[in-house]
Amino acid sequence: MTTATAPPTVRQRVEQLAGERITALQRGYLADEAKAVAALARLRRGAGREAGQLPDLWNLVDVTPLHEPHNGAQALSERELVCAEDALHVALTLWALHQQSRREAKMHQSGSRGKPRGVGAAVRRMMKPGEIDEPLRKRLVRAGTAPDLTALAQRLRDIVLLLRRDQFPLDYALLAGQLYRWQQPGGPDDVRREWGRSFHAWHEEDQNAGRQTPGGTATNTDTADTTHTDKDAS
């Protein structure tokens, strides 16, 4: 007897689309492909800004696949599409800012239970082993208490700049899903809990995980398989 598979949620579809788009752009950027380099330059100008402010990015933040039914899931409502587009805009533009001038390291890397790559884990990873850096912790708290998505994007931008400095990666597909969830009733509380879990899930032995190695390659690889069910990766 065959068990029916539940259709993907909107959040899962947003995560998958973000992962596919960013993985393709990242691969092209690291290969110094002119089209990908130009796309990243355009995207990073949108970091911390609202989606509608830069029409130049509309074809890069393309939610066309979400307009079609997918694996048994219904087409998204207008409200769901707006939230999905805003989430993808923030995730893609922050990734572009993070990846800027990093030609040998992948700044988008998918997380897992053993290798959390969420916002909480990323902030914890920047702290010295065994210590809690209060200014960094307060940045995470400030992001978590943002009153709206625009403020959240601006506060995440500050964190991303620190991650770029230290060459620590982030799971931007997961972030896109969290940004989508943030815009739903009860969403901010859920996302804050996910960030808190990943903050505490990080282990000191992961201090250098994801950094660029002396040979010029990152210690972890990215993947387009970004449908997250393990919240410890958050």
Protein backbone atom coordinates (compact mmCIF):
# COMPACT_ATOMS: atom_id res chain seq x y z
CA MET A 1 0.00 0.00 0.00
CA THR A 2 1.41 3.36 -1.02
CA THR A 3 1.33 6.16 1.54
CA ALA A 4 0.34 9.52 0.11
CA THR A 5 2.97 12.21 0.47
CA ALA A 6 1.75 15.49 1.92
CA PRO A 7 2.18 18.42 -0.47
CA PRO A 8 4.95 20.87 0.47
CA THR A 9 4.01 23.83 2.61
CA VAL A 10 4.41 27.36 1.31
CA ARG A 11 7.41 27.81 3.57
CA GLN A 12 9.05 24.69 2.17
CA ARG A 13 8.45 25.91 -1.37
CA VAL A 14 9.99 29.29 -0.52
CA GLU A 15 13.03 27.57 1.00
CA GLN A 16 13.45 25.32 -2.02
CA LEU A 17 13.18 28.19 -4.49
CA ALA A 18 15.63 30.34 -2.50
CA GLY A 19 18.10 27.47 -2.28
CA GLU A 20 17.93 26.77 -6.00
CA ARG A 21 18.35 30.42 -6.99
CA ILE A 22 21.17 31.19 -4.56
CA THR A 23 23.03 27.94 -5.27
CA ALA A 24 22.99 28.66 -9.01
CA LEU A 25 24.11 32.28 -8.56
CA GLN A 26 26.79 31.29 -6.06
CA ARG A 27 28.17 28.63 -8.39
CA GLY A 28 28.34 31.14 -11.22
CA TYR A 29 29.89 33.84 -9.06
CA LEU A 30 32.62 31.53 -7.77
CA ALA A 31 33.32 30.52 -11.38
CA ASP A 32 33.62 34.23 -12.27
CA GLU A 33 30.77 34.06 -14.76
CA ALA A 34 29.94 37.58 -15.92
CA LYS A 35 26.16 37.15 -15.65
CA ALA A 36 26.33 35.91 -12.05
CA VAL A 37 28.83 38.60 -11.04
CA ALA A 38 26.54 41.29 -12.45
CA ALA A 39 23.49 39.76 -10.75
CA LEU A 40 25.24 39.73 -7.37
CA ALA A 41 26.22 43.38 -7.78
CA ARG A 42 22.60 44.30 -8.47
CA LEU A 43 21.23 42.19 -5.63
CA ARG A 44 23.53 43.50 -2.93
CA ARG A 45 22.26 47.04 -3.53
CA GLY A 46 18.89 45.86 -2.28
CA ALA A 47 20.12 44.61 1.10
CA GLY A 48 18.11 46.25 3.87
CA ARG A 49 15.68 47.89 1.42
CA GLU A 50 12.07 47.05 0.60
CA ALA A 51 11.37 44.82 -2.39
CA GLY A 52 9.40 47.45 -4.30
CA GLN A 53 12.10 50.11 -4.08
CA LEU A 54 14.33 48.57 -6.75
CA PRO A 55 12.48 47.54 -9.94
CA ASP A 56 15.88 46.51 -11.33
CA LEU A 57 15.71 43.42 -9.10
CA TRP A 58 12.27 42.19 -10.12
CA ASN A 59 13.59 39.68 -12.65
CA LEU A 60 16.18 38.38 -10.14
CA VAL A 61 13.67 37.88 -7.32
CA ASP A 62 11.33 35.84 -9.51
CA VAL A 63 8.48 33.98 -7.82
CA THR A 64 7.01 32.63 -11.07
CA PRO A 65 7.31 28.97 -9.91
CA LEU A 66 5.12 29.80 -6.91
CA HIS A 67 2.26 30.86 -9.16
CA GLU A 68 1.80 27.26 -10.33
CA PRO A 69 0.41 24.30 -8.36
CA HIS A 70 3.29 22.10 -7.20
CA ASN A 71 3.27 18.41 -6.20
CA GLY A 72 -0.36 18.50 -5.18
CA ALA A 73 -0.16 21.90 -3.47
CA GLN A 74 -2.58 24.60 -4.53
CA ALA A 75 -1.45 27.82 -6.15
CA LEU A 76 -0.57 30.49 -3.61
CA SER A 77 -2.97 33.26 -2.68
CA GLU A 78 -2.09 36.89 -3.39
CA ARG A 79 -1.14 37.42 0.26
CA GLU A 80 1.08 34.33 0.27
CA LEU A 81 2.79 35.46 -2.94
CA VAL A 82 3.54 38.90 -1.51
CA CYS A 83 5.03 37.39 1.65
CA ALA A 84 7.04 34.89 -0.40
CA GLU A 85 8.40 37.60 -2.69
CA ASP A 86 9.40 39.78 0.26
CA ALA A 87 11.10 36.84 1.98
CA LEU A 88 13.03 35.90 -1.17
CA HIS A 89 14.05 39.52 -1.73
CA VAL A 90 15.54 39.83 1.75
CA ALA A 91 17.28 36.45 1.61
CA LEU A 92 18.80 36.93 -1.85
CA THR A 93 19.99 40.48 -1.23
CA LEU A 94 21.55 39.59 2.13
CA TRP A 95 23.31 36.61 0.56
CA ALA A 96 24.69 38.88 -2.19
CA LEU A 97 26.04 41.27 0.44
CA HIS A 98 27.55 38.33 2.33
CA GLN A 99 29.12 36.76 -0.78
CA GLN A 100 30.57 40.06 -2.07
CA SER A 101 34.33 39.78 -2.70
CA ARG A 102 34.36 36.19 -1.39
CA ARG A 103 35.46 34.40 -4.57
CA GLU A 104 36.66 31.13 -3.01
CA ALA A 105 34.25 30.50 -0.13
CA LYS A 106 30.54 29.66 -0.26
CA MET A 107 28.64 32.00 2.03
CA HIS A 108 25.40 30.05 1.52
CA GLN A 109 25.70 26.59 3.03
CA SER A 110 22.84 24.33 4.05
CA GLY A 111 22.62 23.40 7.70
CA SER A 112 21.90 20.10 9.42
CA ARG A 113 21.49 18.80 12.97
CA GLY A 114 25.24 18.42 13.37
CA LYS A 115 26.15 21.59 11.50
CA PRO A 116 23.61 24.32 12.29
CA ARG A 117 23.82 27.21 9.84
CA GLY A 118 20.94 29.37 11.05
CA VAL A 119 21.10 32.95 12.29
CA GLY A 120 21.35 31.94 15.95
CA ALA A 121 24.20 29.51 15.33
CA ALA A 122 25.99 32.03 13.12
CA VAL A 123 25.94 34.66 15.85
CA ARG A 124 27.11 32.13 18.46
CA ARG A 125 29.92 31.00 16.15
CA MET A 126 31.36 34.52 16.09
CA MET A 127 31.83 34.45 19.87
CA LYS A 128 34.96 33.19 21.60
CA PRO A 129 34.70 29.59 22.83
CA GLY A 130 33.12 29.39 26.26
CA GLU A 131 32.14 33.07 26.30
CA ILE A 132 28.98 35.03 25.55
CA ASP A 133 29.73 38.25 23.70
CA GLU A 134 27.00 40.60 24.95
CA PRO A 135 27.17 43.09 22.05
CA LEU A 136 26.77 40.22 19.58
CA ARG A 137 23.99 38.63 21.62
CA LYS A 138 22.18 41.96 21.74
CA ARG A 139 22.38 42.21 17.95
CA LEU A 140 20.56 38.89 17.71
CA VAL A 141 17.97 39.99 20.27
CA ARG A 142 17.50 43.29 18.45
CA ALA A 143 16.91 41.46 15.17
CA GLY A 144 14.45 39.14 16.87
CA THR A 145 12.42 42.05 18.23
CA ALA A 146 12.20 43.95 14.93
CA PRO A 147 8.72 45.50 14.55
CA ASP A 148 8.39 44.63 10.86
CA LEU A 149 10.16 42.91 7.98
CA THR A 150 11.92 46.07 6.80
CA ALA A 151 13.47 46.67 10.21
CA LEU A 152 14.34 42.98 10.46
CA ALA A 153 16.14 43.10 7.10
CA GLN A 154 18.14 46.13 8.21
CA ARG A 155 19.15 44.49 11.49
CA LEU A 156 20.06 41.24 9.77
CA ARG A 157 22.19 43.27 7.38
CA ASP A 158 24.36 44.36 10.31
CA ILE A 159 24.82 40.73 11.36
CA VAL A 160 25.63 39.64 7.81
CA LEU A 161 28.39 42.24 7.54
CA LEU A 162 30.03 40.71 10.62
CA LEU A 163 29.65 37.21 9.17
CA ARG A 164 31.28 38.36 5.94
CA ARG A 165 34.18 39.80 7.92
CA ASP A 166 34.74 36.47 9.68
CA GLN A 167 33.88 34.35 6.60
CA PHE A 168 31.20 32.35 8.39
CA PRO A 169 28.42 30.97 6.16
CA LEU A 170 24.67 31.10 6.65
CA ASP A 171 21.84 28.91 5.38
CA TYR A 172 19.96 31.44 3.26
CA ALA A 173 17.32 28.97 2.11
CA LEU A 174 16.39 28.37 5.74
CA LEU A 175 16.46 32.12 6.34
CA ALA A 176 14.06 32.68 3.43
CA GLY A 177 11.62 30.23 4.99
CA GLN A 178 11.94 31.94 8.36
CA LEU A 179 11.36 35.33 6.77
CA TYR A 180 8.20 33.96 5.18
CA ARG A 181 7.04 32.56 8.51
CA TRP A 182 7.86 35.88 10.22
CA GLN A 183 5.09 37.56 8.23
CA GLN A 184 2.39 35.12 9.41
CA PRO A 185 0.34 35.30 12.63
CA GLY A 186 2.55 34.08 15.46
CA GLY A 187 5.50 33.94 13.07
CA PRO A 188 7.95 36.22 14.90
CA ASP A 189 7.64 34.11 18.06
CA ASP A 190 8.24 30.91 16.08
CA VAL A 191 11.30 32.33 14.32
CA ARG A 192 12.77 33.66 17.56
CA ARG A 193 12.43 30.18 19.06
CA GLU A 194 14.19 28.67 16.04
CA TRP A 195 17.04 31.17 16.36
CA GLY A 196 17.30 30.44 20.06
CA ARG A 197 17.49 26.69 19.46
CA SER A 198 20.22 27.08 16.85
CA PHE A 199 22.15 29.47 19.11
CA HIS A 200 22.28 26.76 21.78
CA ALA A 201 22.76 23.92 19.27
CA TRP A 202 26.11 25.32 18.13
CA HIS A 203 29.15 23.57 19.60
CA GLU A 204 32.65 24.90 20.11
CA GLU A 205 34.14 22.15 17.95
CA ASP A 206 32.31 23.79 15.04
CA GLN A 207 34.32 27.00 15.56
CA ASN A 208 36.03 26.72 12.17
CA ALA A 209 33.30 24.81 10.36
CA GLY A 210 32.48 26.55 7.12
CA ARG A 211 35.53 28.80 7.14
CA GLN A 212 37.71 28.88 4.07
CA THR A 213 40.59 26.43 4.41
CA PRO A 214 44.21 27.30 3.51
CA GLY A 215 43.70 25.45 0.24
CA GLY A 216 40.99 27.89 -0.74
CA THR A 217 37.92 25.68 -0.27
CA ALA A 218 35.23 25.84 2.36
CA THR A 219 35.01 23.08 4.95
CA ASN A 220 31.38 22.42 4.03
CA THR A 221 29.49 22.34 0.74
CA ASP A 222 26.18 23.83 -0.26
CA THR A 223 23.27 22.03 -1.82
CA ALA A 224 20.03 22.86 -3.54
CA ASP A 225 18.17 20.40 -1.28
CA THR A 226 16.91 22.98 1.17
CA THR A 227 13.58 21.71 2.47
CA HIS A 228 14.24 21.90 6.20
CA THR A 229 12.42 19.70 8.66
CA ASP A 230 15.13 19.67 11.33
CA LYS A 231 14.66 22.78 13.44
CA ASP A 232 18.06 22.31 15.06
CA ALA A 233 19.47 23.58 11.77
CA SER A 234 17.69 26.88 12.32
